[in-house]
Amino acid sequence: MKVVIAGAGNVGAFIAEDLLKAGHTVLVIEQDETIVSRLRESIPVVWWVADACEVSQLQAAGVEGADVMVAATGDDEDNLVISLLAKQEFMVPRVIARVNHPKNHWLFNKTWGVDVAVSTPHLLSSLVEEAVSVGSLVRLLQFEQSGARLVEVTLSDDSPALDLEISRLGLPRGASIVAVVRSQNVVVPRGDTVLRSGDEVIALVTTETEDLFKGLLVTR
């Protein structure tokens, strides 16, 4: 898979190194030549010194044909511009953008070409909620283009889903359980998987089905 990363700060550099180790082709675009000189030897990806907000520079760097664009700069305006160019000018199938300031999160949507917006403060908040919110629904991730959401529910002792097989829950169309975490082990869900108290149920839902899904697992 060909991945283009715009921005070689701590976040961008870490992602580049991690994806390289996983065997992907990685191109990093960074406008600060000093940063590139410092990282070039330790992270042997393809480096390109340029402003990723310029179409001509993206073209010269070889963004065309990329499978994923990651806009990981420390500036939200730059990340929005990079996302929009990647989607509209180069038809990159998947665009992931870093949100630096949580108040700007609402801007990172399909209008700006963003498929997935990642906000560290929001992720931390979700993890805190997950740790303390047994018996409630926690949103983990929003997929802007499709409108799908990754949510988690830790089943309480009075959950209406206890001791039921997943096939008997009556899940609405557009909601799907993708994993069950039980005693720190991941259970791949099947129709005959029986849900138990304390299970962490992870699911993909849509805006329309989120409340219906919640009603099946969470006591009102």
N, C-alpha and C. Protein backbone atom coordinates (compact mmCIF):
# COMPACT_ATOMS: atom_id res chain seq x y z
N MET A 1 0.84 -1.19 0.00
CA MET A 1 0.00 0.00 0.00
C MET A 1 0.88 1.25 0.00
N LYS A 2 0.52 2.21 -0.81
CA LYS A 2 1.27 3.47 -0.87
C LYS A 2 0.60 4.50 0.02
N VAL A 3 1.36 5.01 0.99
CA VAL A 3 0.83 5.98 1.94
C VAL A 3 1.64 7.27 1.83
N VAL A 4 0.94 8.39 1.74
CA VAL A 4 1.60 9.69 1.73
C VAL A 4 1.28 10.39 3.05
N ILE A 5 2.31 10.88 3.71
CA ILE A 5 2.14 11.59 4.98
C ILE A 5 2.61 13.02 4.81
N ALA A 6 1.75 13.98 5.11
CA ALA A 6 2.11 15.39 5.05
C ALA A 6 2.40 15.87 6.46
N GLY A 7 3.66 16.24 6.71
CA GLY A 7 4.05 16.69 8.04
C GLY A 7 4.89 15.65 8.74
N ALA A 8 6.12 16.05 9.11
CA ALA A 8 7.05 15.10 9.73
C ALA A 8 7.38 15.50 11.17
N GLY A 9 6.38 16.03 11.86
CA GLY A 9 6.56 16.28 13.29
C GLY A 9 6.55 14.96 14.04
N ASN A 10 6.35 15.00 15.33
CA ASN A 10 6.37 13.77 16.13
C ASN A 10 5.33 12.76 15.65
N VAL A 11 4.14 13.25 15.31
CA VAL A 11 3.07 12.36 14.88
C VAL A 11 3.38 11.77 13.51
N GLY A 12 3.70 12.62 12.55
CA GLY A 12 3.98 12.16 11.20
C GLY A 12 5.17 11.22 11.13
N ALA A 13 6.23 11.54 11.87
CA ALA A 13 7.44 10.70 11.87
C ALA A 13 7.15 9.33 12.46
N PHE A 14 6.37 9.30 13.53
CA PHE A 14 6.05 8.01 14.15
C PHE A 14 5.22 7.14 13.20
N ILE A 15 4.22 7.76 12.56
CA ILE A 15 3.37 7.01 11.62
C ILE A 15 4.22 6.47 10.47
N ALA A 16 5.11 7.30 9.95
CA ALA A 16 5.95 6.89 8.83
C ALA A 16 6.81 5.69 9.19
N GLU A 17 7.44 5.74 10.35
CA GLU A 17 8.30 4.65 10.78
C GLU A 17 7.50 3.37 11.01
N ASP A 18 6.34 3.52 11.60
CA ASP A 18 5.50 2.36 11.91
C ASP A 18 5.00 1.69 10.63
N LEU A 19 4.56 2.49 9.66
CA LEU A 19 4.05 1.93 8.40
C LEU A 19 5.17 1.32 7.57
N LEU A 20 6.35 1.92 7.63
CA LEU A 20 7.50 1.36 6.92
C LEU A 20 7.83 -0.03 7.45
N LYS A 21 7.81 -0.19 8.77
CA LYS A 21 8.10 -1.48 9.39
C LYS A 21 7.05 -2.52 9.00
N ALA A 22 5.84 -2.04 8.72
CA ALA A 22 4.75 -2.95 8.34
C ALA A 22 4.81 -3.33 6.86
N GLY A 23 5.80 -2.77 6.13
CA GLY A 23 6.01 -3.16 4.75
C GLY A 23 5.33 -2.29 3.71
N HIS A 24 4.83 -1.14 4.11
CA HIS A 24 4.16 -0.26 3.16
C HIS A 24 5.16 0.70 2.50
N THR A 25 4.78 1.19 1.33
CA THR A 25 5.57 2.23 0.66
C THR A 25 5.13 3.57 1.22
N VAL A 26 6.09 4.33 1.77
CA VAL A 26 5.74 5.56 2.48
C VAL A 26 6.47 6.75 1.87
N LEU A 27 5.71 7.79 1.56
CA LEU A 27 6.25 9.06 1.10
C LEU A 27 5.89 10.13 2.12
N VAL A 28 6.91 10.86 2.60
CA VAL A 28 6.67 11.91 3.58
C VAL A 28 6.99 13.26 2.95
N ILE A 29 6.04 14.18 3.03
CA ILE A 29 6.22 15.54 2.51
C ILE A 29 6.35 16.49 3.70
N GLU A 30 7.48 17.17 3.78
CA GLU A 30 7.74 18.10 4.89
C GLU A 30 8.45 19.33 4.33
N GLN A 31 7.96 20.51 4.72
CA GLN A 31 8.53 21.74 4.15
C GLN A 31 9.78 22.23 4.87
N ASP A 32 10.05 21.71 6.07
CA ASP A 32 11.23 22.12 6.82
C ASP A 32 12.40 21.20 6.48
N GLU A 33 13.34 21.71 5.74
CA GLU A 33 14.48 20.90 5.28
C GLU A 33 15.33 20.40 6.45
N THR A 34 15.38 21.16 7.53
CA THR A 34 16.15 20.75 8.70
C THR A 34 15.60 19.47 9.30
N ILE A 35 14.28 19.39 9.38
CA ILE A 35 13.63 18.19 9.92
C ILE A 35 13.91 16.99 9.02
N VAL A 36 13.80 17.20 7.71
CA VAL A 36 14.06 16.11 6.77
C VAL A 36 15.50 15.62 6.89
N SER A 37 16.45 16.53 6.98
CA SER A 37 17.87 16.15 7.11
C SER A 37 18.10 15.33 8.39
N ARG A 38 17.40 15.69 9.44
CA ARG A 38 17.57 15.00 10.72
C ARG A 38 16.97 13.60 10.72
N LEU A 39 15.88 13.42 9.98
CA LEU A 39 15.16 12.14 10.04
C LEU A 39 15.46 11.20 8.88
N ARG A 40 16.06 11.72 7.83
CA ARG A 40 16.23 10.93 6.61
C ARG A 40 16.93 9.59 6.85
N GLU A 41 18.00 9.61 7.62
CA GLU A 41 18.78 8.38 7.82
C GLU A 41 18.09 7.41 8.76
N SER A 42 17.46 7.92 9.80
CA SER A 42 16.83 7.03 10.79
C SER A 42 15.50 6.46 10.30
N ILE A 43 14.82 7.18 9.40
CA ILE A 43 13.55 6.69 8.84
C ILE A 43 13.69 6.67 7.32
N PRO A 44 14.12 5.55 6.75
CA PRO A 44 14.44 5.49 5.31
C PRO A 44 13.22 5.35 4.40
N VAL A 45 12.31 6.31 4.51
CA VAL A 45 11.18 6.38 3.58
C VAL A 45 11.56 7.32 2.45
N VAL A 46 10.63 7.56 1.52
CA VAL A 46 10.86 8.55 0.48
C VAL A 46 10.52 9.93 1.05
N TRP A 47 11.49 10.84 1.02
CA TRP A 47 11.29 12.18 1.57
C TRP A 47 11.16 13.20 0.44
N TRP A 48 10.29 14.21 0.67
CA TRP A 48 10.13 15.27 -0.31
C TRP A 48 9.97 16.59 0.43
N VAL A 49 10.89 17.51 0.20
CA VAL A 49 10.83 18.82 0.85
C VAL A 49 9.94 19.74 0.04
N ALA A 50 8.79 20.07 0.60
CA ALA A 50 7.84 20.91 -0.14
C ALA A 50 6.69 21.31 0.77
N ASP A 51 5.92 22.28 0.31
CA ASP A 51 4.69 22.69 0.98
C ASP A 51 3.56 21.82 0.44
N ALA A 52 3.00 20.97 1.30
CA ALA A 52 1.97 20.02 0.87
C ALA A 52 0.64 20.69 0.56
N CYS A 53 0.54 22.00 0.76
CA CYS A 53 -0.68 22.72 0.42
C CYS A 53 -0.68 23.19 -1.03
N GLU A 54 0.41 22.91 -1.76
CA GLU A 54 0.52 23.33 -3.15
C GLU A 54 0.28 22.14 -4.08
N VAL A 55 -0.68 22.28 -4.99
CA VAL A 55 -1.01 21.18 -5.90
C VAL A 55 0.21 20.76 -6.72
N SER A 56 0.94 21.74 -7.21
CA SER A 56 2.10 21.42 -8.06
C SER A 56 3.15 20.62 -7.29
N GLN A 57 3.30 20.93 -6.01
CA GLN A 57 4.28 20.20 -5.20
C GLN A 57 3.81 18.77 -4.91
N LEU A 58 2.54 18.62 -4.68
CA LEU A 58 1.99 17.27 -4.47
C LEU A 58 2.15 16.43 -5.73
N GLN A 59 1.92 17.06 -6.87
CA GLN A 59 2.09 16.37 -8.15
C GLN A 59 3.54 15.95 -8.33
N ALA A 60 4.47 16.88 -8.07
CA ALA A 60 5.89 16.58 -8.23
C ALA A 60 6.37 15.51 -7.25
N ALA A 61 5.78 15.49 -6.07
CA ALA A 61 6.19 14.51 -5.05
C ALA A 61 5.74 13.10 -5.41
N GLY A 62 4.68 12.99 -6.21
CA GLY A 62 4.19 11.67 -6.61
C GLY A 62 3.02 11.19 -5.81
N VAL A 63 2.13 12.13 -5.44
CA VAL A 63 0.95 11.74 -4.67
C VAL A 63 -0.02 10.90 -5.51
N GLU A 64 -0.03 11.13 -6.79
CA GLU A 64 -0.94 10.38 -7.67
C GLU A 64 -0.72 8.88 -7.51
N GLY A 65 -1.80 8.16 -7.34
CA GLY A 65 -1.70 6.71 -7.17
C GLY A 65 -1.61 6.29 -5.72
N ALA A 66 -1.63 7.23 -4.79
CA ALA A 66 -1.57 6.88 -3.37
C ALA A 66 -2.86 6.21 -2.93
N ASP A 67 -2.73 5.27 -2.01
CA ASP A 67 -3.91 4.61 -1.45
C ASP A 67 -4.46 5.37 -0.25
N VAL A 68 -3.55 6.01 0.48
CA VAL A 68 -3.95 6.74 1.68
C VAL A 68 -3.15 8.03 1.78
N MET A 69 -3.82 9.11 2.16
CA MET A 69 -3.15 10.36 2.48
C MET A 69 -3.39 10.64 3.96
N VAL A 70 -2.31 10.94 4.69
CA VAL A 70 -2.42 11.31 6.10
C VAL A 70 -1.97 12.76 6.24
N ALA A 71 -2.90 13.65 6.59
CA ALA A 71 -2.57 15.06 6.81
C ALA A 71 -2.26 15.20 8.30
N ALA A 72 -0.97 15.27 8.63
CA ALA A 72 -0.55 15.18 10.03
C ALA A 72 0.24 16.40 10.49
N THR A 73 0.04 17.53 9.85
CA THR A 73 0.78 18.72 10.26
C THR A 73 0.21 19.26 11.57
N GLY A 74 0.88 20.22 12.15
CA GLY A 74 0.41 20.82 13.39
C GLY A 74 -0.53 21.98 13.19
N ASP A 75 -0.99 22.17 11.96
CA ASP A 75 -1.88 23.29 11.63
C ASP A 75 -3.16 22.75 11.02
N ASP A 76 -4.29 23.03 11.64
CA ASP A 76 -5.56 22.50 11.16
C ASP A 76 -5.94 23.02 9.78
N GLU A 77 -5.65 24.28 9.51
CA GLU A 77 -5.97 24.83 8.19
C GLU A 77 -5.19 24.11 7.10
N ASP A 78 -3.91 23.85 7.36
CA ASP A 78 -3.11 23.11 6.38
C ASP A 78 -3.66 21.71 6.18
N ASN A 79 -4.04 21.06 7.26
CA ASN A 79 -4.55 19.69 7.16
C ASN A 79 -5.84 19.63 6.35
N LEU A 80 -6.68 20.65 6.49
CA LEU A 80 -7.91 20.70 5.70
C LEU A 80 -7.61 20.90 4.21
N VAL A 81 -6.69 21.80 3.91
CA VAL A 81 -6.33 22.06 2.51
C VAL A 81 -5.72 20.80 1.89
N ILE A 82 -4.81 20.17 2.62
CA ILE A 82 -4.15 18.95 2.12
C ILE A 82 -5.17 17.86 1.86
N SER A 83 -6.12 17.70 2.76
CA SER A 83 -7.16 16.68 2.61
C SER A 83 -8.01 16.94 1.38
N LEU A 84 -8.41 18.20 1.19
CA LEU A 84 -9.24 18.55 0.05
C LEU A 84 -8.51 18.32 -1.27
N LEU A 85 -7.24 18.71 -1.33
CA LEU A 85 -6.46 18.51 -2.55
C LEU A 85 -6.27 17.02 -2.83
N ALA A 86 -5.98 16.26 -1.79
CA ALA A 86 -5.76 14.82 -1.97
C ALA A 86 -7.00 14.14 -2.55
N LYS A 87 -8.17 14.55 -2.06
CA LYS A 87 -9.41 13.90 -2.50
C LYS A 87 -9.86 14.41 -3.88
N GLN A 88 -9.83 15.72 -4.08
CA GLN A 88 -10.38 16.28 -5.31
C GLN A 88 -9.40 16.26 -6.48
N GLU A 89 -8.14 16.54 -6.22
CA GLU A 89 -7.17 16.62 -7.30
C GLU A 89 -6.52 15.28 -7.63
N PHE A 90 -6.36 14.43 -6.62
CA PHE A 90 -5.64 13.17 -6.82
C PHE A 90 -6.48 11.93 -6.56
N MET A 91 -7.73 12.13 -6.19
CA MET A 91 -8.68 11.02 -6.00
C MET A 91 -8.14 9.95 -5.05
N VAL A 92 -7.48 10.37 -3.98
CA VAL A 92 -6.95 9.41 -3.00
C VAL A 92 -8.14 8.75 -2.31
N PRO A 93 -8.21 7.42 -2.32
CA PRO A 93 -9.39 6.73 -1.79
C PRO A 93 -9.66 6.98 -0.30
N ARG A 94 -8.58 7.10 0.48
CA ARG A 94 -8.77 7.26 1.93
C ARG A 94 -7.90 8.40 2.44
N VAL A 95 -8.55 9.37 3.05
CA VAL A 95 -7.85 10.54 3.58
C VAL A 95 -8.08 10.62 5.08
N ILE A 96 -6.98 10.63 5.82
CA ILE A 96 -7.03 10.70 7.28
C ILE A 96 -6.39 12.01 7.71
N ALA A 97 -7.06 12.75 8.56
CA ALA A 97 -6.56 14.07 8.95
C ALA A 97 -6.46 14.20 10.47
N ARG A 98 -5.38 14.81 10.89
CA ARG A 98 -5.17 15.10 12.30
C ARG A 98 -5.88 16.39 12.67
N VAL A 99 -6.61 16.36 13.78
CA VAL A 99 -7.26 17.56 14.31
C VAL A 99 -6.45 18.03 15.51
N ASN A 100 -5.86 19.19 15.40
CA ASN A 100 -5.02 19.69 16.49
C ASN A 100 -5.82 20.37 17.60
N HIS A 101 -6.85 21.09 17.19
CA HIS A 101 -7.68 21.82 18.15
C HIS A 101 -9.10 21.26 18.12
N PRO A 102 -9.58 20.68 19.21
CA PRO A 102 -10.89 20.02 19.23
C PRO A 102 -12.04 20.89 18.74
N LYS A 103 -11.96 22.20 18.92
CA LYS A 103 -13.05 23.08 18.48
C LYS A 103 -13.18 23.11 16.95
N ASN A 104 -12.13 22.66 16.25
CA ASN A 104 -12.17 22.63 14.79
C ASN A 104 -12.67 21.29 14.23
N HIS A 105 -12.97 20.36 15.11
CA HIS A 105 -13.29 19.00 14.67
C HIS A 105 -14.46 18.98 13.69
N TRP A 106 -15.43 19.86 13.90
CA TRP A 106 -16.63 19.85 13.06
C TRP A 106 -16.32 20.16 11.60
N LEU A 107 -15.19 20.81 11.34
CA LEU A 107 -14.81 21.15 9.96
C LEU A 107 -14.29 19.94 9.19
N PHE A 108 -13.79 18.95 9.91
CA PHE A 108 -13.12 17.82 9.27
C PHE A 108 -14.15 16.79 8.82
N ASN A 109 -14.75 17.04 7.69
CA ASN A 109 -15.78 16.15 7.17
C ASN A 109 -15.59 15.94 5.67
N LYS A 110 -16.53 15.25 5.04
CA LYS A 110 -16.37 14.89 3.63
C LYS A 110 -16.36 16.12 2.71
N THR A 111 -16.91 17.24 3.19
CA THR A 111 -16.85 18.46 2.39
C THR A 111 -15.40 18.87 2.13
N TRP A 112 -14.55 18.60 3.09
CA TRP A 112 -13.12 18.92 2.98
C TRP A 112 -12.30 17.70 2.55
N GLY A 113 -13.00 16.63 2.14
CA GLY A 113 -12.29 15.45 1.65
C GLY A 113 -11.81 14.50 2.73
N VAL A 114 -12.22 14.72 3.97
CA VAL A 114 -11.73 13.90 5.09
C VAL A 114 -12.61 12.68 5.28
N ASP A 115 -11.98 11.50 5.25
CA ASP A 115 -12.70 10.25 5.53
C ASP A 115 -12.69 9.94 7.02
N VAL A 116 -11.55 10.14 7.65
CA VAL A 116 -11.41 9.88 9.09
C VAL A 116 -10.68 11.06 9.72
N ALA A 117 -11.29 11.67 10.73
CA ALA A 117 -10.64 12.75 11.48
C ALA A 117 -10.20 12.21 12.83
N VAL A 118 -8.95 12.44 13.18
CA VAL A 118 -8.40 11.91 14.43
C VAL A 118 -8.03 13.09 15.33
N SER A 119 -8.72 13.18 16.46
CA SER A 119 -8.46 14.23 17.44
C SER A 119 -7.96 13.57 18.71
N THR A 120 -6.71 13.80 19.07
CA THR A 120 -6.15 13.18 20.27
C THR A 120 -6.95 13.51 21.53
N PRO A 121 -7.33 14.77 21.76
CA PRO A 121 -8.14 15.05 22.95
C PRO A 121 -9.45 14.27 22.98
N HIS A 122 -10.09 14.16 21.80
CA HIS A 122 -11.35 13.41 21.76
C HIS A 122 -11.12 11.93 22.04
N LEU A 123 -10.03 11.37 21.50
CA LEU A 123 -9.72 9.97 21.76
C LEU A 123 -9.46 9.73 23.24
N LEU A 124 -8.73 10.66 23.87
CA LEU A 124 -8.46 10.52 25.30
C LEU A 124 -9.76 10.59 26.10
N SER A 125 -10.64 11.50 25.70
CA SER A 125 -11.93 11.61 26.39
C SER A 125 -12.72 10.31 26.26
N SER A 126 -12.68 9.72 25.06
CA SER A 126 -13.40 8.46 24.83
C SER A 126 -12.84 7.35 25.71
N LEU A 127 -11.52 7.31 25.82
CA LEU A 127 -10.89 6.27 26.64
C LEU A 127 -11.24 6.45 28.11
N VAL A 128 -11.33 7.70 28.57
CA VAL A 128 -11.74 7.96 29.95
C VAL A 128 -13.18 7.51 30.15
N GLU A 129 -14.05 7.87 29.20
CA GLU A 129 -15.45 7.45 29.28
C GLU A 129 -15.56 5.94 29.31
N GLU A 130 -14.77 5.29 28.47
CA GLU A 130 -14.81 3.83 28.38
C GLU A 130 -14.44 3.20 29.70
N ALA A 131 -13.48 3.82 30.41
CA ALA A 131 -13.00 3.26 31.66
C ALA A 131 -14.03 3.37 32.77
N VAL A 132 -14.88 4.39 32.73
CA VAL A 132 -15.79 4.64 33.86
C VAL A 132 -17.26 4.40 33.51
N SER A 133 -17.57 4.12 32.24
CA SER A 133 -18.97 4.11 31.83
C SER A 133 -19.48 2.71 31.51
N VAL A 134 -19.60 1.87 32.52
CA VAL A 134 -20.26 0.59 32.34
C VAL A 134 -21.74 0.84 32.17
N GLY A 135 -22.33 0.21 31.16
CA GLY A 135 -23.76 0.38 30.94
C GLY A 135 -24.13 1.62 30.15
N SER A 136 -23.18 2.20 29.42
CA SER A 136 -23.50 3.33 28.56
C SER A 136 -22.75 3.17 27.24
N LEU A 137 -23.16 3.92 26.23
CA LEU A 137 -22.55 3.83 24.91
C LEU A 137 -21.49 4.92 24.76
N VAL A 138 -20.30 4.51 24.31
CA VAL A 138 -19.18 5.44 24.12
C VAL A 138 -18.81 5.44 22.64
N ARG A 139 -18.74 6.63 22.05
CA ARG A 139 -18.32 6.75 20.65
C ARG A 139 -16.79 6.75 20.60
N LEU A 140 -16.22 5.84 19.83
CA LEU A 140 -14.77 5.73 19.72
C LEU A 140 -14.22 6.43 18.50
N LEU A 141 -14.95 6.37 17.38
CA LEU A 141 -14.42 6.91 16.12
C LEU A 141 -15.56 7.23 15.17
N GLN A 142 -15.40 8.31 14.43
CA GLN A 142 -16.39 8.73 13.45
C GLN A 142 -15.78 8.65 12.06
N PHE A 143 -16.44 7.96 11.13
CA PHE A 143 -16.01 7.89 9.75
C PHE A 143 -16.84 8.91 8.97
N GLU A 144 -16.21 10.05 8.65
CA GLU A 144 -16.97 11.19 8.14
C GLU A 144 -17.64 10.92 6.81
N GLN A 145 -16.96 10.23 5.90
CA GLN A 145 -17.53 10.06 4.56
C GLN A 145 -18.77 9.20 4.56
N SER A 146 -18.73 8.09 5.31
CA SER A 146 -19.86 7.16 5.31
C SER A 146 -20.89 7.49 6.38
N GLY A 147 -20.49 8.26 7.39
CA GLY A 147 -21.39 8.54 8.49
C GLY A 147 -21.42 7.44 9.53
N ALA A 148 -20.63 6.37 9.32
CA ALA A 148 -20.59 5.26 10.28
C ALA A 148 -19.80 5.67 11.52
N ARG A 149 -20.12 5.03 12.64
CA ARG A 149 -19.44 5.30 13.90
C ARG A 149 -19.02 3.99 14.53
N LEU A 150 -17.86 4.00 15.15
CA LEU A 150 -17.41 2.87 15.94
C LEU A 150 -17.74 3.18 17.39
N VAL A 151 -18.56 2.32 18.00
CA VAL A 151 -19.02 2.58 19.36
C VAL A 151 -18.72 1.37 20.25
N GLU A 152 -18.74 1.63 21.56
CA GLU A 152 -18.45 0.55 22.51
C GLU A 152 -19.43 0.62 23.66
N VAL A 153 -19.91 -0.55 24.08
CA VAL A 153 -20.79 -0.65 25.24
C VAL A 153 -20.25 -1.76 26.15
N THR A 154 -20.00 -1.43 27.41
CA THR A 154 -19.65 -2.45 28.39
C THR A 154 -20.93 -2.86 29.09
N LEU A 155 -21.31 -4.12 28.95
CA LEU A 155 -22.62 -4.58 29.42
C LEU A 155 -22.67 -4.60 30.95
N SER A 156 -23.72 -3.99 31.49
CA SER A 156 -23.93 -3.98 32.94
C SER A 156 -24.69 -5.24 33.35
N ASP A 157 -24.86 -5.42 34.66
CA ASP A 157 -25.54 -6.62 35.16
C ASP A 157 -27.02 -6.65 34.80
N ASP A 158 -27.57 -5.48 34.45
CA ASP A 158 -28.99 -5.45 34.10
C ASP A 158 -29.24 -5.14 32.63
N SER A 159 -28.22 -5.35 31.79
CA SER A 159 -28.38 -5.11 30.36
C SER A 159 -29.43 -6.04 29.78
N PRO A 160 -30.30 -5.53 28.92
CA PRO A 160 -31.32 -6.40 28.29
C PRO A 160 -30.72 -7.43 27.34
N ALA A 161 -29.41 -7.30 27.02
CA ALA A 161 -28.78 -8.23 26.08
C ALA A 161 -28.13 -9.42 26.77
N LEU A 162 -28.12 -9.43 28.11
CA LEU A 162 -27.44 -10.50 28.82
C LEU A 162 -28.04 -11.87 28.50
N ASP A 163 -27.13 -12.83 28.30
CA ASP A 163 -27.49 -14.24 28.06
C ASP A 163 -28.24 -14.46 26.76
N LEU A 164 -28.20 -13.47 25.88
CA LEU A 164 -28.80 -13.63 24.56
C LEU A 164 -27.74 -13.90 23.52
N GLU A 165 -28.08 -14.74 22.55
CA GLU A 165 -27.21 -14.91 21.39
C GLU A 165 -27.31 -13.66 20.52
N ILE A 166 -26.21 -13.29 19.86
CA ILE A 166 -26.22 -12.09 19.03
C ILE A 166 -27.31 -12.15 17.97
N SER A 167 -27.55 -13.33 17.41
CA SER A 167 -28.57 -13.48 16.37
C SER A 167 -29.98 -13.18 16.88
N ARG A 168 -30.15 -13.21 18.19
CA ARG A 168 -31.47 -12.99 18.78
C ARG A 168 -31.65 -11.56 19.28
N LEU A 169 -30.64 -10.72 19.11
CA LEU A 169 -30.75 -9.34 19.58
C LEU A 169 -31.72 -8.51 18.75
N GLY A 170 -31.84 -8.86 17.47
CA GLY A 170 -32.67 -8.06 16.59
C GLY A 170 -31.98 -6.78 16.16
N LEU A 171 -30.69 -6.90 15.81
CA LEU A 171 -29.92 -5.73 15.40
C LEU A 171 -30.54 -5.09 14.16
N PRO A 172 -30.65 -3.77 14.15
CA PRO A 172 -31.22 -3.09 12.97
C PRO A 172 -30.25 -3.15 11.80
N ARG A 173 -30.80 -3.08 10.60
CA ARG A 173 -29.96 -3.01 9.40
C ARG A 173 -29.10 -1.74 9.48
N GLY A 174 -27.80 -1.90 9.29
CA GLY A 174 -26.90 -0.76 9.43
C GLY A 174 -26.13 -0.76 10.73
N ALA A 175 -26.38 -1.77 11.58
CA ALA A 175 -25.62 -1.93 12.82
C ALA A 175 -25.01 -3.32 12.84
N SER A 176 -23.73 -3.40 13.20
CA SER A 176 -23.05 -4.69 13.18
C SER A 176 -22.04 -4.77 14.32
N ILE A 177 -22.09 -5.83 15.09
CA ILE A 177 -21.12 -6.06 16.16
C ILE A 177 -19.86 -6.64 15.53
N VAL A 178 -18.72 -5.97 15.73
CA VAL A 178 -17.48 -6.38 15.07
C VAL A 178 -16.53 -7.09 16.02
N ALA A 179 -16.71 -6.93 17.33
CA ALA A 179 -15.83 -7.60 18.29
C ALA A 179 -16.47 -7.58 19.67
N VAL A 180 -16.12 -8.58 20.45
CA VAL A 180 -16.51 -8.63 21.86
C VAL A 180 -15.24 -8.88 22.66
N VAL A 181 -14.94 -7.97 23.59
CA VAL A 181 -13.76 -8.14 24.45
C VAL A 181 -14.24 -8.69 25.78
N ARG A 182 -13.73 -9.88 26.11
CA ARG A 182 -14.16 -10.58 27.33
C ARG A 182 -12.93 -11.04 28.11
N SER A 183 -12.78 -10.58 29.33
CA SER A 183 -11.64 -10.94 30.17
C SER A 183 -10.32 -10.72 29.44
N GLN A 184 -10.21 -9.57 28.78
CA GLN A 184 -9.02 -9.14 28.05
C GLN A 184 -8.73 -9.98 26.82
N ASN A 185 -9.68 -10.80 26.42
CA ASN A 185 -9.55 -11.59 25.20
C ASN A 185 -10.58 -11.11 24.18
N VAL A 186 -10.17 -11.09 22.89
CA VAL A 186 -11.08 -10.67 21.84
C VAL A 186 -11.84 -11.88 21.31
N VAL A 187 -13.14 -11.80 21.38
CA VAL A 187 -14.01 -12.86 20.85
C VAL A 187 -14.56 -12.40 19.51
N VAL A 188 -14.29 -13.17 18.45
CA VAL A 188 -14.85 -12.83 17.14
C VAL A 188 -16.34 -13.20 17.17
N PRO A 189 -17.22 -12.22 17.03
CA PRO A 189 -18.66 -12.49 17.21
C PRO A 189 -19.26 -13.34 16.11
N ARG A 190 -20.09 -14.27 16.52
CA ARG A 190 -20.88 -15.08 15.59
C ARG A 190 -22.34 -15.00 16.02
N GLY A 191 -23.19 -15.55 15.23
CA GLY A 191 -24.60 -15.49 15.57
C GLY A 191 -24.93 -16.18 16.87
N ASP A 192 -24.17 -17.24 17.22
CA ASP A 192 -24.47 -17.99 18.44
C ASP A 192 -23.64 -17.53 19.64
N THR A 193 -22.89 -16.42 19.49
CA THR A 193 -22.13 -15.89 20.62
C THR A 193 -23.09 -15.32 21.66
N VAL A 194 -22.98 -15.81 22.91
CA VAL A 194 -23.85 -15.36 23.99
C VAL A 194 -23.17 -14.22 24.74
N LEU A 195 -23.88 -13.13 24.93
CA LEU A 195 -23.32 -11.96 25.61
C LEU A 195 -23.43 -12.10 27.12
N ARG A 196 -22.40 -11.63 27.82
CA ARG A 196 -22.32 -11.76 29.27
C ARG A 196 -22.06 -10.41 29.92
N SER A 197 -22.35 -10.34 31.21
CA SER A 197 -22.07 -9.12 31.96
C SER A 197 -20.58 -8.82 31.94
N GLY A 198 -20.23 -7.55 31.69
CA GLY A 198 -18.83 -7.15 31.64
C GLY A 198 -18.23 -7.21 30.25
N ASP A 199 -18.94 -7.81 29.30
CA ASP A 199 -18.44 -7.85 27.91
C ASP A 199 -18.34 -6.42 27.37
N GLU A 200 -17.25 -6.15 26.67
CA GLU A 200 -17.12 -4.89 25.93
C GLU A 200 -17.53 -5.17 24.49
N VAL A 201 -18.67 -4.67 24.10
CA VAL A 201 -19.22 -4.92 22.77
C VAL A 201 -18.87 -3.74 21.87
N ILE A 202 -18.13 -4.02 20.81
CA ILE A 202 -17.70 -2.99 19.88
C ILE A 202 -18.48 -3.17 18.58
N ALA A 203 -19.05 -2.09 18.08
CA ALA A 203 -19.92 -2.21 16.92
C ALA A 203 -19.77 -1.02 15.98
N LEU A 204 -20.12 -1.27 14.73
CA LEU A 204 -20.26 -0.21 13.74
C LEU A 204 -21.74 0.12 13.60
N VAL A 205 -22.07 1.38 13.73
CA VAL A 205 -23.46 1.81 13.60
C VAL A 205 -23.52 3.04 12.70
N THR A 206 -24.71 3.37 12.27
CA THR A 206 -24.93 4.61 11.53
C THR A 206 -25.63 5.61 12.45
N THR A 207 -25.75 6.84 11.97
CA THR A 207 -26.45 7.86 12.75
C THR A 207 -27.87 7.42 13.05
N GLU A 208 -28.49 6.76 12.05
CA GLU A 208 -29.90 6.36 12.20
C GLU A 208 -30.07 5.18 13.15
N THR A 209 -29.05 4.31 13.25
CA THR A 209 -29.22 3.09 14.03
C THR A 209 -28.56 3.15 15.41
N GLU A 210 -27.85 4.23 15.70
CA GLU A 210 -27.13 4.29 16.98
C GLU A 210 -28.06 4.16 18.19
N ASP A 211 -29.14 4.92 18.19
CA ASP A 211 -30.06 4.87 19.34
C ASP A 211 -30.75 3.52 19.44
N LEU A 212 -31.10 2.93 18.29
CA LEU A 212 -31.73 1.60 18.30
C LEU A 212 -30.77 0.56 18.88
N PHE A 213 -29.50 0.63 18.45
CA PHE A 213 -28.49 -0.30 18.95
C PHE A 213 -28.31 -0.11 20.46
N LYS A 214 -28.23 1.14 20.89
CA LYS A 214 -28.06 1.44 22.31
C LYS A 214 -29.20 0.84 23.13
N GLY A 215 -30.44 0.97 22.62
CA GLY A 215 -31.60 0.45 23.34
C GLY A 215 -31.57 -1.05 23.53
N LEU A 216 -30.87 -1.77 22.63
CA LEU A 216 -30.80 -3.22 22.74
C LEU A 216 -29.81 -3.68 23.80
N LEU A 217 -28.83 -2.83 24.14
CA LEU A 217 -27.76 -3.24 25.04
C LEU A 217 -27.72 -2.48 26.36
N VAL A 218 -28.33 -1.30 26.38
CA VAL A 218 -28.22 -0.44 27.55
C VAL A 218 -29.59 -0.31 28.22
N THR A 219 -29.61 -0.49 29.54
CA THR A 219 -30.85 -0.33 30.29
C THR A 219 -31.29 1.11 30.29
N ARG A 220 -32.54 1.33 29.99
CA ARG A 220 -33.04 2.72 29.93
C ARG A 220 -33.24 3.28 31.35
